[in-house]
Protein backbone atom coordinates (compact mmCIF):
# COMPACT_ATOMS: atom_id res chain seq x y z
CA UNK A 1 18.32 59.69 -37.91
CA UNK A 2 17.04 56.66 -35.97
CA UNK A 3 15.01 56.83 -32.83
CA UNK A 4 17.01 56.43 -29.62
CA UNK A 5 15.32 54.00 -27.23
CA UNK A 6 15.81 53.69 -23.54
CA UNK A 7 17.07 50.51 -21.88
CA UNK A 8 13.65 50.11 -20.29
CA UNK A 9 11.92 50.17 -23.67
CA UNK A 10 14.32 47.56 -25.04
CA UNK A 11 13.87 45.32 -21.99
CA UNK A 12 10.07 45.64 -22.15
CA UNK A 13 10.12 44.75 -25.83
CA UNK A 14 12.25 41.64 -25.22
CA UNK A 15 10.11 40.39 -22.33
CA UNK A 16 6.63 41.06 -23.72
CA UNK A 17 6.16 37.44 -24.88
CA UNK A 18 7.38 35.79 -21.67
CA UNK A 19 4.62 34.03 -19.77
CA UNK A 20 4.72 33.39 -16.06
CA UNK A 21 3.63 29.95 -14.92
CA UNK A 22 2.16 30.63 -11.50
CA UNK A 23 1.49 26.94 -10.86
CA UNK A 24 5.15 26.11 -11.44
CA UNK A 25 6.19 28.89 -9.06
CA UNK A 26 3.82 27.59 -6.35
CA UNK A 27 5.06 24.04 -6.95
CA UNK A 28 8.71 25.13 -6.60
CA UNK A 29 7.89 26.99 -3.39
CA UNK A 30 6.14 23.91 -1.99
CA UNK A 31 9.09 21.68 -2.98
CA UNK A 32 11.52 24.05 -1.25
CA UNK A 33 9.39 24.04 1.90
CA UNK A 34 9.27 20.21 1.93
CA UNK A 35 13.04 19.94 1.41
CA UNK A 36 13.67 22.44 4.22
CA UNK A 37 11.51 20.38 6.60
CA UNK A 38 13.37 17.19 5.65
CA UNK A 39 16.72 18.96 5.98
CA UNK A 40 15.82 20.28 9.42
CA UNK A 41 14.78 16.78 10.51
CA UNK A 42 18.04 15.25 9.28
CA UNK A 43 20.22 18.03 10.72
CA UNK A 44 18.85 17.94 14.27
CA UNK A 45 21.21 16.50 16.84
CA UNK A 46 18.39 14.61 18.55
CA UNK A 47 15.79 12.81 16.48
CA UNK A 48 12.54 14.79 16.55
CA UNK A 49 9.76 13.00 14.66
CA UNK A 50 7.35 15.88 15.35
CA UNK A 51 9.13 17.78 12.57
CA UNK A 52 8.00 15.11 10.10
CA UNK A 53 4.37 15.60 11.12
CA UNK A 54 4.44 18.91 9.24
CA UNK A 55 4.91 16.90 6.03
CA UNK A 56 1.33 15.64 6.46
CA UNK A 57 0.18 19.02 5.10
CA UNK A 58 1.51 17.96 1.68
CA UNK A 59 0.16 15.27 -0.62
CA UNK A 60 2.10 12.18 -1.70
CA UNK A 61 2.79 13.49 -5.19
CA UNK A 62 4.43 16.65 -3.83
CA UNK A 63 6.47 14.66 -1.31
CA UNK A 64 7.72 12.27 -3.98
CA UNK A 65 8.56 15.12 -6.34
CA UNK A 66 10.37 17.17 -3.69
CA UNK A 67 12.21 14.41 -1.82
CA UNK A 68 13.14 11.92 -4.54
CA UNK A 69 16.56 13.50 -5.14
CA UNK A 70 17.33 13.86 -1.43
CA UNK A 71 16.46 10.26 -0.63
CA UNK A 72 18.28 8.71 -3.59
CA UNK A 73 21.43 10.83 -3.23
CA UNK A 74 21.60 10.06 0.50
CA UNK A 75 22.03 6.39 -0.31
CA UNK A 76 25.77 6.27 -0.94
CA UNK A 77 28.61 4.00 0.11
CA UNK A 78 29.87 5.04 3.55
CA UNK A 79 33.63 5.12 4.05
CA UNK A 80 33.38 4.26 7.73
CA UNK A 81 31.04 2.12 9.77
CA UNK A 82 27.71 3.87 10.25
CA UNK A 83 27.21 4.47 13.95
CA UNK A 84 24.56 7.18 13.81
CA UNK A 85 20.87 6.92 12.95
CA UNK A 86 21.02 8.53 9.49
CA UNK A 87 19.47 5.55 7.71
CA UNK A 88 16.61 5.24 10.18
CA UNK A 89 15.91 8.98 9.83
CA UNK A 90 15.96 8.68 6.06
CA UNK A 91 13.69 5.64 6.48
CA UNK A 92 11.20 7.74 8.45
CA UNK A 93 11.14 10.28 5.61
CA UNK A 94 10.81 7.44 3.10
CA UNK A 95 7.79 6.11 5.01
CA UNK A 96 6.12 9.53 4.78
CA UNK A 97 6.81 9.64 1.06
CA UNK A 98 5.85 6.04 0.23
CA UNK A 99 2.93 5.70 2.61
CA UNK A 100 1.69 2.11 2.66
CA UNK A 101 3.97 0.86 -0.11
CA UNK A 102 5.61 -2.11 1.65
CA UNK A 103 7.60 -3.11 -1.44
CA UNK A 104 9.35 0.25 -1.54
CA UNK A 105 10.08 0.14 2.18
CA UNK A 106 11.39 -3.43 1.99
CA UNK A 107 13.72 -2.44 -0.84
CA UNK A 108 14.85 0.60 1.14
CA UNK A 109 15.63 -1.67 4.11
CA UNK A 110 17.65 -4.05 1.96
CA UNK A 111 19.61 -1.14 0.48
CA UNK A 112 20.48 0.31 3.89
CA UNK A 113 21.51 -3.12 5.18
CA UNK A 114 23.74 -3.43 2.11
CA UNK A 115 25.26 0.01 2.74
CA UNK A 116 25.97 -0.82 6.37
CA UNK A 117 27.76 -4.01 5.26
CA UNK A 118 30.18 -2.18 2.97
CA UNK A 119 32.57 -0.69 5.60
CA UNK A 120 32.71 -4.07 7.39
CA UNK A 121 33.55 -5.91 4.17
CA UNK A 122 36.10 -3.24 3.29
CA UNK A 123 37.82 -3.62 6.67
CA UNK A 124 37.76 -7.43 6.42
CA UNK A 125 39.33 -7.28 2.96
CA UNK A 126 41.98 -4.84 4.14
CA UNK A 127 42.88 -7.00 7.16
CA UNK A 128 43.03 -10.16 5.04
CA UNK A 129 45.22 -8.48 2.42
CA UNK A 130 47.62 -7.15 5.05
CA UNK A 131 47.90 -10.61 6.61
CA UNK A 132 48.43 -12.19 3.19
CA UNK A 133 51.09 -9.64 2.18
CA UNK A 134 53.05 -9.84 5.46
CA UNK A 135 55.34 -12.71 4.34
CA UNK A 136 56.21 -10.84 1.15
CA UNK A 137 57.05 -7.71 3.16
CA UNK A 138 59.21 -9.68 5.57
CA UNK A 139 61.09 -11.18 2.63
CA UNK A 140 61.62 -7.73 1.11
CA UNK A 141 62.77 -6.41 4.49
CA UNK A 142 65.35 -9.20 4.78
CA UNK A 143 66.66 -8.58 1.26
CA UNK A 144 67.00 -4.84 1.92
CA UNK A 145 68.66 -5.51 5.27
CA UNK A 146 71.26 -7.71 3.57
CA UNK A 147 71.90 -5.15 0.80
CA UNK A 148 72.16 -2.17 3.13
CA UNK A 149 73.88 -3.94 6.01
CA UNK A 150 71.40 -2.70 8.62
CA UNK A 151 68.01 -3.78 9.97
CA UNK A 152 65.06 -2.68 7.78
CA UNK A 153 61.38 -3.22 8.64
CA UNK A 154 58.86 -2.42 5.90
CA UNK A 155 55.21 -1.83 6.66
CA UNK A 156 52.31 -2.01 4.22
CA UNK A 157 52.11 1.78 4.15
CA UNK A 158 55.79 2.08 3.17
CA UNK A 159 55.83 -0.42 0.31
CA UNK A 160 54.55 0.82 -3.03
CA UNK A 161 53.87 -2.66 -4.42
CA UNK A 162 51.70 -3.76 -1.49
CA UNK A 163 49.86 -0.45 -1.49
CA UNK A 164 49.02 -0.94 -5.18
CA UNK A 165 47.74 -4.47 -4.54
CA UNK A 166 45.57 -3.26 -1.68
CA UNK A 167 44.29 -0.28 -3.67
CA UNK A 168 43.35 -2.47 -6.65
CA UNK A 169 41.42 -4.88 -4.43
CA UNK A 170 39.63 -2.08 -2.59
CA UNK A 171 38.71 -0.44 -5.91
CA UNK A 172 37.31 -3.75 -7.16
CA UNK A 173 35.21 -4.13 -4.00
CA UNK A 174 33.94 -0.56 -4.28
CA UNK A 175 33.08 -1.07 -7.95
CA UNK A 176 31.07 -4.22 -7.16
CA UNK A 177 29.19 -2.47 -4.37
CA UNK A 178 28.62 0.67 -6.47
CA UNK A 179 27.21 -1.31 -9.38
CA UNK A 180 24.82 -3.19 -7.10
CA UNK A 181 23.84 0.03 -5.34
CA UNK A 182 23.14 1.79 -8.65
CA UNK A 183 20.84 -1.06 -9.73
CA UNK A 184 19.03 -1.03 -6.40
CA UNK A 185 18.59 2.75 -6.53
CA UNK A 186 17.11 2.47 -10.04
CA UNK A 187 14.62 -0.07 -8.70
CA UNK A 188 13.81 2.24 -5.80
CA UNK A 189 13.47 5.21 -8.14
CA UNK A 190 10.70 3.37 -9.99
CA UNK A 191 8.54 3.73 -6.86
CA UNK A 192 8.67 7.52 -7.18
């Protein structure tokens, strides 16, 4: 009859060749600490640059490693006009990470300017499309009024055809901006 082994013996046998990388553990702990500091800075209601001073305890390599994902993922197309200071706060973090690298900071500035333009361009396109589609809607309203024998007023939101035209144009604008943003973020990523 075979020997019956305990669960502990089996677990010990399976884990005897596993090595612990203490440097990796310390590095992960440092990265978490850096990300928590950056998160606290971004989450505060009032801007408090003293929080960023605690990042001075960490070297540039650790800052780049820990904050690369946060900085790049925070650069996304805003749906509405940016009225808060999120990009300037991210810029302050970026300065800590990049140090004296003016090229990286200039690129960051161009990207944030580009992102702040997007909602304005989107609104301008939407307004222009609505103005352009108004005569078509009026014509449709008149035709429906004649068919139904009562007054009909169609709005852009009520007409499927105009909604599709607007949606297609907005998607095209978003695609153009997204493609340019992706290229710019790849260029920025090279600085990390």
